[in-house]
Amino acid sequence: MTTMTTTRIRRLAGSAIAVTSALLVVVPGQAAAANPHALQTTFDSPLAGAAPGGTGTVQLQVKNVGSQATQGVLINIALPPHVTLPVLAADKHCQHKADPNVPGGSLISCNMSDKNDPRAQVSSGHTNTDDAEFTVDKQGVAPFAHLGTLVVVTVPLVNGKSTEDWRDETGPNTARTEIFSL
């Protein structure tokens, strides 16, 4: 993303950037004390964008701040309208549905518990990093529009069961980034 594009997006985002930046502040010590498999989730940037019909990338980091390795990871993703994650559309571990709280939005839930899947095991102190490509619809999207917030909640799995509430979007295992068309 160019400096000029970032500046234009920041002007458009206004207070959303300040709120999003504040939400990305996490305290690993709190998560580790409550759960030996605790995860901390962050994006590399509080905002991302792509031209209508184009592709953008967000980097997601999932760090195990607990004392034990995970046996799997449940990843829940809320996408704003006009945004898709094509790589997850074909992933056999993921289920897709419309988001009942965001008209035009979608929810993706991925259960990464296959022992042969490197995304499933996160050792204590280790960080898994993924560059996730997203696309912005070509039709019905104005340039330099705020499309909404991409939210990711990661929950450790032990014996196939979540060790935290997968609906809780307030902890350090939740990350947000604002998505814009460019």
Protein backbone atom coordinates (compact mmCIF):
# COMPACT_ATOMS: atom_id res chain seq x y z
CA MET A 1 0.00 0.00 0.00
CA THR A 2 1.48 3.38 -0.93
CA THR A 3 1.89 6.22 1.54
CA MET A 4 -0.65 8.30 -0.38
CA THR A 5 -3.20 5.46 -0.28
CA THR A 6 -2.62 4.89 3.42
CA THR A 7 -3.06 8.60 4.10
CA ARG A 8 -6.34 8.68 2.15
CA ILE A 9 -7.61 5.62 3.98
CA ARG A 10 -6.65 7.11 7.34
CA ARG A 11 -8.58 10.28 6.51
CA LEU A 12 -11.60 8.17 5.60
CA ALA A 13 -11.30 5.94 8.64
CA GLY A 14 -11.18 8.84 11.09
CA SER A 15 -11.92 7.58 14.55
CA ALA A 16 -12.15 3.95 13.37
CA ILE A 17 -8.36 3.80 13.24
CA ALA A 18 -8.00 5.04 16.81
CA VAL A 19 -10.59 2.55 18.05
CA THR A 20 -9.09 -0.32 16.05
CA SER A 21 -5.56 0.51 17.18
CA ALA A 22 -6.73 0.51 20.77
CA LEU A 23 -8.39 -2.86 20.30
CA LEU A 24 -5.15 -4.39 19.06
CA VAL A 25 -3.38 -3.72 22.36
CA VAL A 26 -3.15 -7.05 24.15
CA VAL A 27 -1.78 -8.22 27.46
CA PRO A 28 -0.37 -11.75 27.10
CA GLY A 29 -0.01 -12.21 30.86
CA GLN A 30 -3.78 -12.09 31.38
CA ALA A 31 -4.44 -14.82 28.81
CA ALA A 32 -1.65 -17.08 30.02
CA ALA A 33 -2.82 -16.96 33.64
CA ALA A 34 -6.34 -18.13 32.79
CA ASN A 35 -5.56 -20.87 30.27
CA PRO A 36 -2.42 -23.01 29.76
CA HIS A 37 -3.23 -23.07 26.01
CA ALA A 38 -4.01 -19.33 25.66
CA LEU A 39 -3.65 -17.64 22.29
CA GLN A 40 -2.92 -14.01 21.43
CA THR A 41 -4.11 -12.90 17.99
CA THR A 42 -3.02 -9.76 16.11
CA PHE A 43 -3.03 -8.28 12.61
CA ASP A 44 0.06 -6.55 11.24
CA SER A 45 -1.95 -3.39 10.54
CA PRO A 46 -5.20 -1.82 11.82
CA LEU A 47 -6.33 -1.32 8.22
CA ALA A 48 -6.08 -3.00 4.82
CA GLY A 49 -7.43 -2.38 1.36
CA ALA A 50 -7.81 -3.52 -2.21
CA ALA A 51 -9.26 -2.02 -5.38
CA PRO A 52 -12.75 -3.18 -6.38
CA GLY A 53 -12.24 -6.55 -8.06
CA GLY A 54 -8.73 -6.75 -6.61
CA THR A 55 -6.86 -8.62 -3.93
CA GLY A 56 -5.28 -7.40 -0.70
CA THR A 57 -3.33 -9.11 2.05
CA VAL A 58 -3.51 -9.02 5.81
CA GLN A 59 -0.96 -10.74 7.99
CA LEU A 60 -2.41 -12.59 10.97
CA GLN A 61 -0.23 -13.69 13.87
CA VAL A 62 -1.41 -16.28 16.40
CA LYS A 63 0.92 -16.66 19.38
CA ASN A 64 0.59 -19.28 22.09
CA VAL A 65 1.12 -17.30 25.30
CA GLY A 66 0.16 -20.27 27.45
CA SER A 67 2.42 -22.86 29.02
CA GLN A 68 1.30 -25.82 26.84
CA ALA A 69 1.03 -26.53 23.12
CA THR A 70 -2.39 -26.52 21.50
CA GLN A 71 -3.79 -29.71 19.99
CA GLY A 72 -5.83 -27.68 17.54
CA VAL A 73 -7.15 -24.22 16.83
CA LEU A 74 -10.69 -23.03 16.13
CA ILE A 75 -10.63 -19.92 13.93
CA ASN A 76 -13.81 -17.86 13.61
CA ILE A 77 -13.81 -15.06 11.04
CA ALA A 78 -16.42 -12.37 10.45
CA LEU A 79 -16.14 -10.72 7.03
CA PRO A 80 -17.75 -7.41 6.08
CA PRO A 81 -19.96 -7.21 2.98
CA HIS A 82 -18.14 -7.33 -0.38
CA VAL A 83 -15.07 -9.07 1.11
CA THR A 84 -14.11 -12.75 0.69
CA LEU A 85 -11.21 -15.00 1.71
CA PRO A 86 -10.90 -17.27 -1.37
CA VAL A 87 -8.35 -19.69 0.12
CA LEU A 88 -10.80 -20.68 2.85
CA ALA A 89 -13.63 -21.29 0.39
CA ALA A 90 -12.00 -24.59 -0.64
CA ASP A 91 -10.62 -25.54 2.79
CA LYS A 92 -12.27 -28.76 4.01
CA HIS A 93 -11.83 -27.61 7.63
CA CYS A 94 -14.00 -24.50 7.15
CA GLN A 95 -17.73 -23.86 7.14
CA HIS A 96 -19.31 -20.73 5.68
CA LYS A 97 -22.61 -19.00 6.41
CA ALA A 98 -24.23 -15.58 6.21
CA ASP A 99 -23.65 -13.29 9.18
CA PRO A 100 -27.05 -12.68 10.79
CA ASN A 101 -25.73 -9.51 12.47
CA VAL A 102 -24.20 -7.87 9.37
CA PRO A 103 -26.36 -7.71 6.21
CA GLY A 104 -24.21 -8.97 3.33
CA GLY A 105 -21.47 -10.12 5.70
CA SER A 106 -20.34 -13.70 6.17
CA LEU A 107 -18.96 -15.95 8.89
CA ILE A 108 -16.29 -18.59 8.43
CA SER A 109 -15.46 -21.16 11.10
CA CYS A 110 -12.39 -23.37 10.66
CA ASN A 111 -11.60 -26.30 12.95
CA MET A 112 -7.88 -26.94 12.57
CA SER A 113 -7.48 -30.11 14.62
CA ASP A 114 -5.84 -32.44 12.09
CA LYS A 115 -2.52 -33.56 13.62
CA ASN A 116 -0.88 -33.30 10.18
CA ASP A 117 -1.98 -29.69 9.73
CA PRO A 118 0.76 -27.26 10.89
CA ARG A 119 -1.92 -24.65 11.63
CA ALA A 120 -3.33 -26.89 14.38
CA GLN A 121 -0.36 -27.17 16.71
CA VAL A 122 1.01 -24.01 18.26
CA SER A 123 3.81 -24.66 20.75
CA SER A 124 4.11 -22.59 23.90
CA GLY A 125 5.81 -19.29 23.04
CA HIS A 126 5.56 -19.96 19.28
CA THR A 127 3.82 -17.66 16.76
CA ASN A 128 2.10 -18.92 13.60
CA THR A 129 1.97 -16.23 10.91
CA ASP A 130 -0.28 -16.31 7.86
CA ASP A 131 -0.55 -13.85 4.98
CA ALA A 132 -4.26 -14.08 4.20
CA GLU A 133 -5.37 -12.81 0.82
CA PHE A 134 -8.80 -11.24 0.62
CA THR A 135 -10.76 -10.00 -2.38
CA VAL A 136 -13.08 -7.04 -2.75
CA ASP A 137 -16.13 -7.41 -5.00
CA LYS A 138 -15.86 -5.65 -8.35
CA GLN A 139 -19.53 -4.66 -8.51
CA GLY A 140 -21.27 -2.36 -6.05
CA VAL A 141 -18.13 -1.06 -4.33
CA ALA A 142 -17.08 2.58 -4.57
CA PRO A 143 -13.38 3.47 -4.48
CA PHE A 144 -12.02 4.55 -1.08
CA ALA A 145 -15.03 3.22 0.80
CA HIS A 146 -14.92 1.75 4.29
CA LEU A 147 -16.31 -1.77 3.80
CA GLY A 148 -16.31 -2.82 7.44
CA THR A 149 -14.29 -4.70 10.03
CA LEU A 150 -12.68 -8.10 9.54
CA VAL A 151 -12.73 -9.87 12.93
CA VAL A 152 -10.80 -13.04 13.80
CA VAL A 153 -11.22 -15.02 17.04
CA THR A 154 -8.82 -17.92 17.67
CA VAL A 155 -9.56 -20.52 20.33
CA PRO A 156 -7.25 -23.36 21.38
CA LEU A 157 -8.59 -26.90 21.15
CA VAL A 158 -7.67 -29.75 23.50
CA ASN A 159 -9.07 -33.20 22.74
CA GLY A 160 -11.24 -31.54 20.08
CA LYS A 161 -12.93 -29.18 22.55
CA SER A 162 -12.48 -25.43 22.85
CA THR A 163 -10.74 -24.23 26.01
CA GLU A 164 -12.24 -20.74 25.79
CA ASP A 165 -15.57 -19.21 24.78
CA TRP A 166 -15.42 -18.94 20.97
CA ARG A 167 -18.11 -16.22 21.05
CA ASP A 168 -16.06 -13.84 23.24
CA GLU A 169 -14.63 -11.07 21.06
CA THR A 170 -13.08 -9.07 23.90
CA GLY A 171 -9.94 -11.02 24.78
CA PRO A 172 -6.39 -11.09 23.45
CA ASN A 173 -7.38 -13.97 21.15
CA THR A 174 -9.40 -11.51 19.03
CA ALA A 175 -8.01 -9.25 16.30
CA ARG A 176 -9.68 -6.64 14.12
CA THR A 177 -8.68 -4.78 11.00
CA GLU A 178 -10.67 -2.27 8.98
CA ILE A 179 -11.13 -3.10 5.29
CA PHE A 180 -11.32 -0.40 2.61
CA SER A 181 -11.69 -0.33 -1.15
CA LEU A 182 -8.88 1.59 -2.84
